[in-house]
Amino acid sequence: MASPVWRATWLTILLISVAGLLSVNLVGASQESGSVIPAESRPCVDCHAFEFMQRALQDLKKTAYNLDTRTETLLLRAEKRGLCDCFPAMH
C-alpha cells in the first residue's frame, strides 16, 4: 500500500501536468482565433525589465546600507565592550 506522502506527491504532479496541458491548449486556441494584440498596444517588455531591475538595484542598495549600518553599530559595541573590560569598575 502506498504511503500518504507518496499519494500526495503523485496527485500534485498529476494536477500540475493537467494544468500545464490545459494552459498550452488555451494559449494555442487564442493564437489560432486571430486575436493578436498589435505591437503598439502591448507593454514594452524592455521597459518593464528595466523598471524591475531598477527597483531590484534600489532594494540592494537599501540592503547594503542597512548591513553597513548594522556592521558599524556592532563594531562600535565591540569596541566599547573592549574598552569597558579594560578598566575595572570603580566603586
PDB file of N, CA and C in Angstrom:
ATOM      1  N   MET A   1       0.845  -1.178   0.000  1.00  0.00           N
ATOM      2  CA  MET A   1       0.000   0.000   0.000  1.00  0.00           C
ATOM      3  C   MET A   1       0.890   1.242   0.000  1.00  0.00           C
ATOM      4  N   ALA A   2       0.506   2.224  -0.811  1.00  0.00           N
ATOM      5  CA  ALA A   2       1.300   3.439  -0.954  1.00  0.00           C
ATOM      6  C   ALA A   2       1.107   4.343   0.263  1.00  0.00           C
ATOM      7  N   SER A   3       2.196   5.019   0.617  1.00  0.00           N
ATOM      8  CA  SER A   3       2.111   5.916   1.765  1.00  0.00           C
ATOM      9  C   SER A   3       1.335   7.181   1.388  1.00  0.00           C
ATOM     10  N   PRO A   4       0.757   7.871   2.371  1.00  0.00           N
ATOM     11  CA  PRO A   4       0.013   9.102   2.083  1.00  0.00           C
ATOM     12  C   PRO A   4       0.888  10.189   1.443  1.00  0.00           C
ATOM     13  N   VAL A   5       2.155  10.249   1.816  1.00  0.00           N
ATOM     14  CA  VAL A   5       3.052  11.246   1.240  1.00  0.00           C
ATOM     15  C   VAL A   5       3.254  10.962  -0.244  1.00  0.00           C
ATOM     16  N   TRP A   6       3.437   9.692  -0.563  1.00  0.00           N
ATOM     17  CA  TRP A   6       3.628   9.302  -1.961  1.00  0.00           C
ATOM     18  C   TRP A   6       2.375   9.621  -2.780  1.00  0.00           C
ATOM     19  N   ARG A   7       1.218   9.339  -2.226  1.00  0.00           N
ATOM     20  CA  ARG A   7      -0.029   9.644  -2.929  1.00  0.00           C
ATOM     21  C   ARG A   7      -0.184  11.139  -3.152  1.00  0.00           C
ATOM     22  N   ALA A   8       0.120  11.932  -2.137  1.00  0.00           N
ATOM     23  CA  ALA A   8       0.005  13.384  -2.264  1.00  0.00           C
ATOM     24  C   ALA A   8       0.978  13.913  -3.318  1.00  0.00           C
ATOM     25  N   THR A   9       2.187  13.387  -3.334  1.00  0.00           N
ATOM     26  CA  THR A   9       3.178  13.801  -4.327  1.00  0.00           C
ATOM     27  C   THR A   9       2.700  13.444  -5.729  1.00  0.00           C
ATOM     28  N   TRP A  10       2.228  12.234  -5.894  1.00  0.00           N
ATOM     29  CA  TRP A  10       1.741  11.770  -7.187  1.00  0.00           C
ATOM     30  C   TRP A  10       0.555  12.620  -7.661  1.00  0.00           C
ATOM     31  N   LEU A  11      -0.361  12.915  -6.763  1.00  0.00           N
ATOM     32  CA  LEU A  11      -1.522  13.719  -7.103  1.00  0.00           C
ATOM     33  C   LEU A  11      -1.112  15.144  -7.491  1.00  0.00           C
ATOM     34  N   THR A  12      -0.150  15.703  -6.786  1.00  0.00           N
ATOM     35  CA  THR A  12       0.339  17.042  -7.104  1.00  0.00           C
ATOM     36  C   THR A  12       0.975  17.077  -8.490  1.00  0.00           C
ATOM     37  N   ILE A  13       1.797  16.086  -8.793  1.00  0.00           N
ATOM     38  CA  ILE A  13       2.437  16.017 -10.114  1.00  0.00           C
ATOM     39  C   ILE A  13       1.385  15.876 -11.204  1.00  0.00           C
ATOM     40  N   LEU A  14       0.393  15.051 -10.959  1.00  0.00           N
ATOM     41  CA  LEU A  14      -0.675  14.849 -11.930  1.00  0.00           C
ATOM     42  C   LEU A  14      -1.458  16.141 -12.167  1.00  0.00           C
ATOM     43  N   LEU A  15      -1.804  16.861 -11.093  1.00  0.00           N
ATOM     44  CA  LEU A  15      -2.550  18.113 -11.233  1.00  0.00           C
ATOM     45  C   LEU A  15      -1.743  19.183 -11.975  1.00  0.00           C
ATOM     46  N   ILE A  16      -0.462  19.261 -11.684  1.00  0.00           N
ATOM     47  CA  ILE A  16       0.397  20.230 -12.371  1.00  0.00           C
ATOM     48  C   ILE A  16       0.491  19.889 -13.852  1.00  0.00           C
ATOM     49  N   SER A  17       0.596  18.620 -14.171  1.00  0.00           N
ATOM     50  CA  SER A  17       0.673  18.199 -15.572  1.00  0.00           C
ATOM     51  C   SER A  17      -0.606  18.542 -16.318  1.00  0.00           C
ATOM     52  N   VAL A  18      -1.755  18.258 -15.700  1.00  0.00           N
ATOM     53  CA  VAL A  18      -3.039  18.557 -16.340  1.00  0.00           C
ATOM     54  C   VAL A  18      -3.197  20.067 -16.529  1.00  0.00           C
ATOM     55  N   ALA A  19      -2.835  20.845 -15.511  1.00  0.00           N
ATOM     56  CA  ALA A  19      -2.933  22.304 -15.620  1.00  0.00           C
ATOM     57  C   ALA A  19      -2.022  22.822 -16.729  1.00  0.00           C
ATOM     58  N   GLY A  20      -0.831  22.257 -16.853  1.00  0.00           N
ATOM     59  CA  GLY A  20       0.089  22.661 -17.911  1.00  0.00           C
ATOM     60  C   GLY A  20      -0.461  22.354 -19.286  1.00  0.00           C
ATOM     61  N   LEU A  21      -1.031  21.172 -19.453  1.00  0.00           N
ATOM     62  CA  LEU A  21      -1.618  20.810 -20.742  1.00  0.00           C
ATOM     63  C   LEU A  21      -2.802  21.704 -21.085  1.00  0.00           C
ATOM     64  N   LEU A  22      -3.639  21.988 -20.107  1.00  0.00           N
ATOM     65  CA  LEU A  22      -4.784  22.859 -20.360  1.00  0.00           C
ATOM     66  C   LEU A  22      -4.343  24.263 -20.735  1.00  0.00           C
ATOM     67  N   SER A  23      -3.322  24.788 -20.056  1.00  0.00           N
ATOM     68  CA  SER A  23      -2.861  26.146 -20.369  1.00  0.00           C
ATOM     69  C   SER A  23      -2.244  26.199 -21.756  1.00  0.00           C
ATOM     70  N   VAL A  24      -1.555  25.137 -22.171  1.00  0.00           N
ATOM     71  CA  VAL A  24      -0.981  25.098 -23.520  1.00  0.00           C
ATOM     72  C   VAL A  24      -2.105  25.089 -24.546  1.00  0.00           C
ATOM     73  N   ASN A  25      -3.149  24.332 -24.288  1.00  0.00           N
ATOM     74  CA  ASN A  25      -4.278  24.286 -25.215  1.00  0.00           C
ATOM     75  C   ASN A  25      -4.986  25.635 -25.278  1.00  0.00           C
ATOM     76  N   LEU A  26      -5.143  26.307 -24.152  1.00  0.00           N
ATOM     77  CA  LEU A  26      -5.809  27.604 -24.151  1.00  0.00           C
ATOM     78  C   LEU A  26      -4.995  28.653 -24.883  1.00  0.00           C
ATOM     79  N   VAL A  27      -3.690  28.635 -24.704  1.00  0.00           N
ATOM     80  CA  VAL A  27      -2.827  29.592 -25.400  1.00  0.00           C
ATOM     81  C   VAL A  27      -2.869  29.332 -26.893  1.00  0.00           C
ATOM     82  N   GLY A  28      -2.803  28.080 -27.271  1.00  0.00           N
ATOM     83  CA  GLY A  28      -2.863  27.742 -28.688  1.00  0.00           C
ATOM     84  C   GLY A  28      -4.187  28.149 -29.299  1.00  0.00           C
ATOM     85  N   ALA A  29      -5.276  27.993 -28.578  1.00  0.00           N
ATOM     86  CA  ALA A  29      -6.592  28.352 -29.091  1.00  0.00           C
ATOM     87  C   ALA A  29      -6.706  29.851 -29.298  1.00  0.00           C
ATOM     88  N   SER A  30      -6.161  30.649 -28.391  1.00  0.00           N
ATOM     89  CA  SER A  30      -6.261  32.100 -28.539  1.00  0.00           C
ATOM     90  C   SER A  30      -5.416  32.585 -29.708  1.00  0.00           C
ATOM     91  N   GLN A  31      -4.307  31.936 -29.981  1.00  0.00           N
ATOM     92  CA  GLN A  31      -3.478  32.336 -31.111  1.00  0.00           C
ATOM     93  C   GLN A  31      -4.121  31.919 -32.429  1.00  0.00           C
ATOM     94  N   GLU A  32      -4.803  30.802 -32.437  1.00  0.00           N
ATOM     95  CA  GLU A  32      -5.441  30.328 -33.650  1.00  0.00           C
ATOM     96  C   GLU A  32      -6.647  31.177 -34.028  1.00  0.00           C
ATOM     97  N   SER A  33      -7.294  31.771 -33.064  1.00  0.00           N
ATOM     98  CA  SER A  33      -8.507  32.526 -33.356  1.00  0.00           C
ATOM     99  C   SER A  33      -8.219  33.881 -33.976  1.00  0.00           C
ATOM    100  N   GLY A  34      -6.978  34.265 -34.107  1.00  0.00           N
ATOM    101  CA  GLY A  34      -6.628  35.508 -34.749  1.00  0.00           C
ATOM    102  C   GLY A  34      -6.715  36.718 -33.835  1.00  0.00           C
ATOM    103  N   SER A  35      -6.685  36.508 -32.541  1.00  0.00           N
ATOM    104  CA  SER A  35      -6.770  37.624 -31.600  1.00  0.00           C
ATOM    105  C   SER A  35      -5.373  38.109 -31.230  1.00  0.00           C
ATOM    106  N   VAL A  36      -4.632  38.540 -32.212  1.00  0.00           N
ATOM    107  CA  VAL A  36      -3.266  39.010 -31.992  1.00  0.00           C
ATOM    108  C   VAL A  36      -3.331  40.469 -31.548  1.00  0.00           C
ATOM    109  N   ILE A  37      -2.628  40.769 -30.473  1.00  0.00           N
ATOM    110  CA  ILE A  37      -2.589  42.134 -29.950  1.00  0.00           C
ATOM    111  C   ILE A  37      -1.544  42.916 -30.739  1.00  0.00           C
ATOM    112  N   PRO A  38      -1.928  44.071 -31.290  1.00  0.00           N
ATOM    113  CA  PRO A  38      -0.948  44.853 -32.054  1.00  0.00           C
ATOM    114  C   PRO A  38       0.213  45.308 -31.175  1.00  0.00           C
ATOM    115  N   ALA A  39       1.361  45.464 -31.792  1.00  0.00           N
ATOM    116  CA  ALA A  39       2.576  45.809 -31.056  1.00  0.00           C
ATOM    117  C   ALA A  39       2.448  47.153 -30.343  1.00  0.00           C
ATOM    118  N   GLU A  40       1.662  48.074 -30.897  1.00  0.00           N
ATOM    119  CA  GLU A  40       1.532  49.394 -30.292  1.00  0.00           C
ATOM    120  C   GLU A  40       0.836  49.352 -28.940  1.00  0.00           C
ATOM    121  N   SER A  41      -0.063  48.375 -28.752  1.00  0.00           N
ATOM    122  CA  SER A  41      -0.816  48.324 -27.500  1.00  0.00           C
ATOM    123  C   SER A  41      -0.210  47.367 -26.476  1.00  0.00           C
ATOM    124  N   ARG A  42       0.809  46.636 -26.864  1.00  0.00           N
ATOM    125  CA  ARG A  42       1.472  45.737 -25.913  1.00  0.00           C
ATOM    126  C   ARG A  42       2.439  46.514 -25.052  1.00  0.00           C
ATOM    127  N   PRO A  43       2.588  46.112 -23.790  1.00  0.00           N
ATOM    128  CA  PRO A  43       3.559  46.818 -22.941  1.00  0.00           C
ATOM    129  C   PRO A  43       4.983  46.549 -23.421  1.00  0.00           C
ATOM    130  N   CYS A  44       5.800  47.510 -23.233  1.00  0.00           N
ATOM    131  CA  CYS A  44       7.204  47.396 -23.632  1.00  0.00           C
ATOM    132  C   CYS A  44       7.925  46.471 -22.649  1.00  0.00           C
ATOM    133  N   VAL A  45       8.328  45.321 -23.140  1.00  0.00           N
ATOM    134  CA  VAL A  45       8.969  44.325 -22.270  1.00  0.00           C
ATOM    135  C   VAL A  45      10.288  44.863 -21.738  1.00  0.00           C
ATOM    136  N   ASP A  46      11.041  45.529 -22.603  1.00  0.00           N
ATOM    137  CA  ASP A  46      12.329  46.071 -22.163  1.00  0.00           C
ATOM    138  C   ASP A  46      12.140  47.139 -21.086  1.00  0.00           C
ATOM    139  N   CYS A  47      11.083  47.938 -21.224  1.00  0.00           N
ATOM    140  CA  CYS A  47      10.824  48.980 -20.219  1.00  0.00           C
ATOM    141  C   CYS A  47      10.476  48.355 -18.872  1.00  0.00           C
ATOM    142  N   HIS A  48       9.635  47.313 -18.912  1.00  0.00           N
ATOM    143  CA  HIS A  48       9.267  46.641 -17.666  1.00  0.00           C
ATOM    144  C   HIS A  48      10.475  45.955 -17.042  1.00  0.00           C
ATOM    145  N   ALA A  49      11.312  45.355 -17.876  1.00  0.00           N
ATOM    146  CA  ALA A  49      12.523  44.713 -17.353  1.00  0.00           C
ATOM    147  C   ALA A  49      13.446  45.749 -16.729  1.00  0.00           C
ATOM    148  N   PHE A  50      13.565  46.898 -17.384  1.00  0.00           N
ATOM    149  CA  PHE A  50      14.411  47.962 -16.845  1.00  0.00           C
ATOM    150  C   PHE A  50      13.872  48.458 -15.511  1.00  0.00           C
ATOM    151  N   GLU A  51      12.545  48.671 -15.427  1.00  0.00           N
ATOM    152  CA  GLU A  51      11.947  49.130 -14.171  1.00  0.00           C
ATOM    153  C   GLU A  51      12.143  48.096 -13.069  1.00  0.00           C
ATOM    154  N   PHE A  52      11.985  46.829 -13.418  1.00  0.00           N
ATOM    155  CA  PHE A  52      12.179  45.766 -12.436  1.00  0.00           C
ATOM    156  C   PHE A  52      13.616  45.759 -11.930  1.00  0.00           C
ATOM    157  N   MET A  53      14.573  45.861 -12.862  1.00  0.00           N
ATOM    158  CA  MET A  53      15.972  45.847 -12.458  1.00  0.00           C
ATOM    159  C   MET A  53      16.323  47.098 -11.647  1.00  0.00           C
ATOM    160  N   GLN A  54      15.696  48.229 -11.985  1.00  0.00           N
ATOM    161  CA  GLN A  54      15.945  49.452 -11.228  1.00  0.00           C
ATOM    162  C   GLN A  54      15.448  49.308  -9.791  1.00  0.00           C
ATOM    163  N   ARG A  55      14.243  48.727  -9.619  1.00  0.00           N
ATOM    164  CA  ARG A  55      13.724  48.502  -8.260  1.00  0.00           C
ATOM    165  C   ARG A  55      14.588  47.506  -7.510  1.00  0.00           C
ATOM    166  N   ALA A  56      15.050  46.463  -8.207  1.00  0.00           N
ATOM    167  CA  ALA A  56      15.916  45.474  -7.556  1.00  0.00           C
ATOM    168  C   ALA A  56      17.220  46.119  -7.108  1.00  0.00           C
ATOM    169  N   LEU A  57      17.767  47.010  -7.934  1.00  0.00           N
ATOM    170  CA  LEU A  57      19.006  47.699  -7.571  1.00  0.00           C
ATOM    171  C   LEU A  57      18.798  48.605  -6.366  1.00  0.00           C
ATOM    172  N   GLN A  58      17.657  49.303  -6.325  1.00  0.00           N
ATOM    173  CA  GLN A  58      17.344  50.142  -5.163  1.00  0.00           C
ATOM    174  C   GLN A  58      17.217  49.302  -3.904  1.00  0.00           C
ATOM    175  N   ASP A  59      16.563  48.145  -4.014  1.00  0.00           N
ATOM    176  CA  ASP A  59      16.440  47.246  -2.861  1.00  0.00           C
ATOM    177  C   ASP A  59      17.809  46.768  -2.396  1.00  0.00           C
ATOM    178  N   LEU A  60      18.680  46.446  -3.355  1.00  0.00           N
ATOM    179  CA  LEU A  60      20.031  46.002  -2.989  1.00  0.00           C
ATOM    180  C   LEU A  60      20.814  47.121  -2.308  1.00  0.00           C
ATOM    181  N   LYS A  61      20.650  48.350  -2.806  1.00  0.00           N
ATOM    182  CA  LYS A  61      21.335  49.484  -2.176  1.00  0.00           C
ATOM    183  C   LYS A  61      20.852  49.683  -0.742  1.00  0.00           C
ATOM    184  N   LYS A  62      19.531  49.574  -0.535  1.00  0.00           N
ATOM    185  CA  LYS A  62      18.994  49.714   0.824  1.00  0.00           C
ATOM    186  C   LYS A  62      19.522  48.611   1.725  1.00  0.00           C
ATOM    187  N   THR A  63      19.546  47.384   1.202  1.00  0.00           N
ATOM    188  CA  THR A  63      20.044  46.256   1.999  1.00  0.00           C
ATOM    189  C   THR A  63      21.517  46.455   2.343  1.00  0.00           C
ATOM    190  N   ALA A  64      22.305  46.896   1.364  1.00  0.00           N
ATOM    191  CA  ALA A  64      23.730  47.128   1.614  1.00  0.00           C
ATOM    192  C   ALA A  64      23.916  48.225   2.656  1.00  0.00           C
ATOM    193  N   TYR A  65      23.133  49.295   2.552  1.00  0.00           N
ATOM    194  CA  TYR A  65      23.232  50.383   3.529  1.00  0.00           C
ATOM    195  C   TYR A  65      22.861  49.882   4.924  1.00  0.00           C
ATOM    196  N   ASN A  66      21.767  49.104   5.010  1.00  0.00           N
ATOM    197  CA  ASN A  66      21.345  48.572   6.312  1.00  0.00           C
ATOM    198  C   ASN A  66      22.399  47.645   6.891  1.00  0.00           C
ATOM    199  N   LEU A  67      23.000  46.802   6.045  1.00  0.00           N
ATOM    200  CA  LEU A  67      24.056  45.909   6.531  1.00  0.00           C
ATOM    201  C   LEU A  67      25.282  46.690   6.972  1.00  0.00           C
ATOM    202  N   ASP A  68      25.619  47.733   6.222  1.00  0.00           N
ATOM    203  CA  ASP A  68      26.767  48.554   6.580  1.00  0.00           C
ATOM    204  C   ASP A  68      26.525  49.256   7.914  1.00  0.00           C
ATOM    205  N   THR A  69      25.329  49.805   8.075  1.00  0.00           N
ATOM    206  CA  THR A  69      24.985  50.480   9.331  1.00  0.00           C
ATOM    207  C   THR A  69      24.998  49.498  10.490  1.00  0.00           C
ATOM    208  N   ARG A  70      24.438  48.332  10.280  1.00  0.00           N
ATOM    209  CA  ARG A  70      24.391  47.306  11.327  1.00  0.00           C
ATOM    210  C   ARG A  70      25.807  46.862  11.703  1.00  0.00           C
ATOM    211  N   THR A  71      26.659  46.670  10.690  1.00  0.00           N
ATOM    212  CA  THR A  71      28.047  46.266  10.950  1.00  0.00           C
ATOM    213  C   THR A  71      28.775  47.333  11.748  1.00  0.00           C
ATOM    214  N   GLU A  72      28.563  48.594  11.367  1.00  0.00           N
ATOM    215  CA  GLU A  72      29.221  49.688  12.092  1.00  0.00           C
ATOM    216  C   GLU A  72      28.753  49.742  13.542  1.00  0.00           C
ATOM    217  N   THR A  73      27.455  49.545  13.758  1.00  0.00           N
ATOM    218  CA  THR A  73      26.912  49.551  15.124  1.00  0.00           C
ATOM    219  C   THR A  73      27.516  48.414  15.946  1.00  0.00           C
ATOM    220  N   LEU A  74      27.603  47.230  15.345  1.00  0.00           N
ATOM    221  CA  LEU A  74      28.179  46.093  16.068  1.00  0.00           C
ATOM    222  C   LEU A  74      29.657  46.306  16.372  1.00  0.00           C
ATOM    223  N   LEU A  75      30.388  46.912  15.439  1.00  0.00           N
ATOM    224  CA  LEU A  75      31.804  47.197  15.691  1.00  0.00           C
ATOM    225  C   LEU A  75      31.971  48.201  16.828  1.00  0.00           C
ATOM    226  N   LEU A  76      31.122  49.236  16.831  1.00  0.00           N
ATOM    227  CA  LEU A  76      31.195  50.215  17.920  1.00  0.00           C
ATOM    228  C   LEU A  76      30.874  49.570  19.260  1.00  0.00           C
ATOM    229  N   ARG A  77      29.894  48.684  19.282  1.00  0.00           N
ATOM    230  CA  ARG A  77      29.571  47.975  20.535  1.00  0.00           C
ATOM    231  C   ARG A  77      30.733  47.117  21.002  1.00  0.00           C
ATOM    232  N   ALA A  78      31.372  46.428  20.040  1.00  0.00           N
ATOM    233  CA  ALA A  78      32.504  45.574  20.402  1.00  0.00           C
ATOM    234  C   ALA A  78      33.664  46.407  20.939  1.00  0.00           C
ATOM    235  N   GLU A  79      33.928  47.548  20.304  1.00  0.00           N
ATOM    236  CA  GLU A  79      34.994  48.421  20.796  1.00  0.00           C
ATOM    237  C   GLU A  79      34.661  48.961  22.178  1.00  0.00           C
ATOM    238  N   LYS A  80      33.426  49.356  22.378  1.00  0.00           N
ATOM    239  CA  LYS A  80      33.009  49.877  23.682  1.00  0.00           C
ATOM    240  C   LYS A  80      33.139  48.803  24.752  1.00  0.00           C
ATOM    241  N   ARG A  81      32.687  47.602  24.409  1.00  0.00           N
ATOM    242  CA  ARG A  81      32.774  46.492  25.353  1.00  0.00           C
ATOM    243  C   ARG A  81      34.232  46.187  25.679  1.00  0.00           C
ATOM    244  N   GLY A  82      35.089  46.253  24.651  1.00  0.00           N
ATOM    245  CA  GLY A  82      36.512  46.000  24.867  1.00  0.00           C
ATOM    246  C   GLY A  82      37.137  47.054  25.760  1.00  0.00           C
ATOM    247  N   LEU A  83      36.751  48.311  25.556  1.00  0.00           N
ATOM    248  CA  LEU A  83      37.279  49.380  26.401  1.00  0.00           C
ATOM    249  C   LEU A  83      36.770  49.261  27.830  1.00  0.00           C
ATOM    250  N   CYS A  84      35.498  48.919  27.973  1.00  0.00           N
ATOM    251  CA  CYS A  84      34.937  48.796  29.321  1.00  0.00           C
ATOM    252  C   CYS A  84      35.553  47.641  30.084  1.00  0.00           C
ATOM    253  N   ASP A  85      35.926  46.589  29.369  1.00  0.00           N
ATOM    254  CA  ASP A  85      36.528  45.429  30.033  1.00  0.00           C
ATOM    255  C   ASP A  85      37.952  45.728  30.492  1.00  0.00           C
ATOM    256  N   CYS A  86      38.579  46.706  29.847  1.00  0.00           N
ATOM    257  CA  CYS A  86      39.971  47.050  30.223  1.00  0.00           C
ATOM    258  C   CYS A  86      40.036  47.761  31.567  1.00  0.00           C
ATOM    259  N   PHE A  87      39.031  48.546  31.878  1.00  0.00           N
ATOM    260  CA  PHE A  87      39.023  49.320  33.109  1.00  0.00           C
ATOM    261  C   PHE A  87      38.180  48.608  34.160  1.00  0.00           C
ATOM    262  N   PRO A  88      38.761  48.358  35.309  1.00  0.00           N
ATOM    263  CA  PRO A  88      37.967  47.733  36.359  1.00  0.00           C
ATOM    264  C   PRO A  88      36.913  48.718  36.868  1.00  0.00           C
ATOM    265  N   ALA A  89      35.834  48.168  37.285  1.00  0.00           N
ATOM    266  CA  ALA A  89      34.741  49.013  37.786  1.00  0.00           C
ATOM    267  C   ALA A  89      35.214  49.714  39.059  1.00  0.00           C
ATOM    268  N   MET A  90      34.952  51.022  39.131  1.00  0.00           N
ATOM    269  CA  MET A  90      35.337  51.782  40.309  1.00  0.00           C
ATOM    270  C   MET A  90      34.136  51.896  41.230  1.00  0.00           C
ATOM    271  N   HIS A  91      34.311  51.479  42.422  1.00  0.00           N
ATOM    272  CA  HIS A  91      33.228  51.575  43.417  1.00  0.00           C
ATOM    273  C   HIS A  91      33.637  52.482  44.528  1.00  0.00           C
TER     274      HIS A  91
END
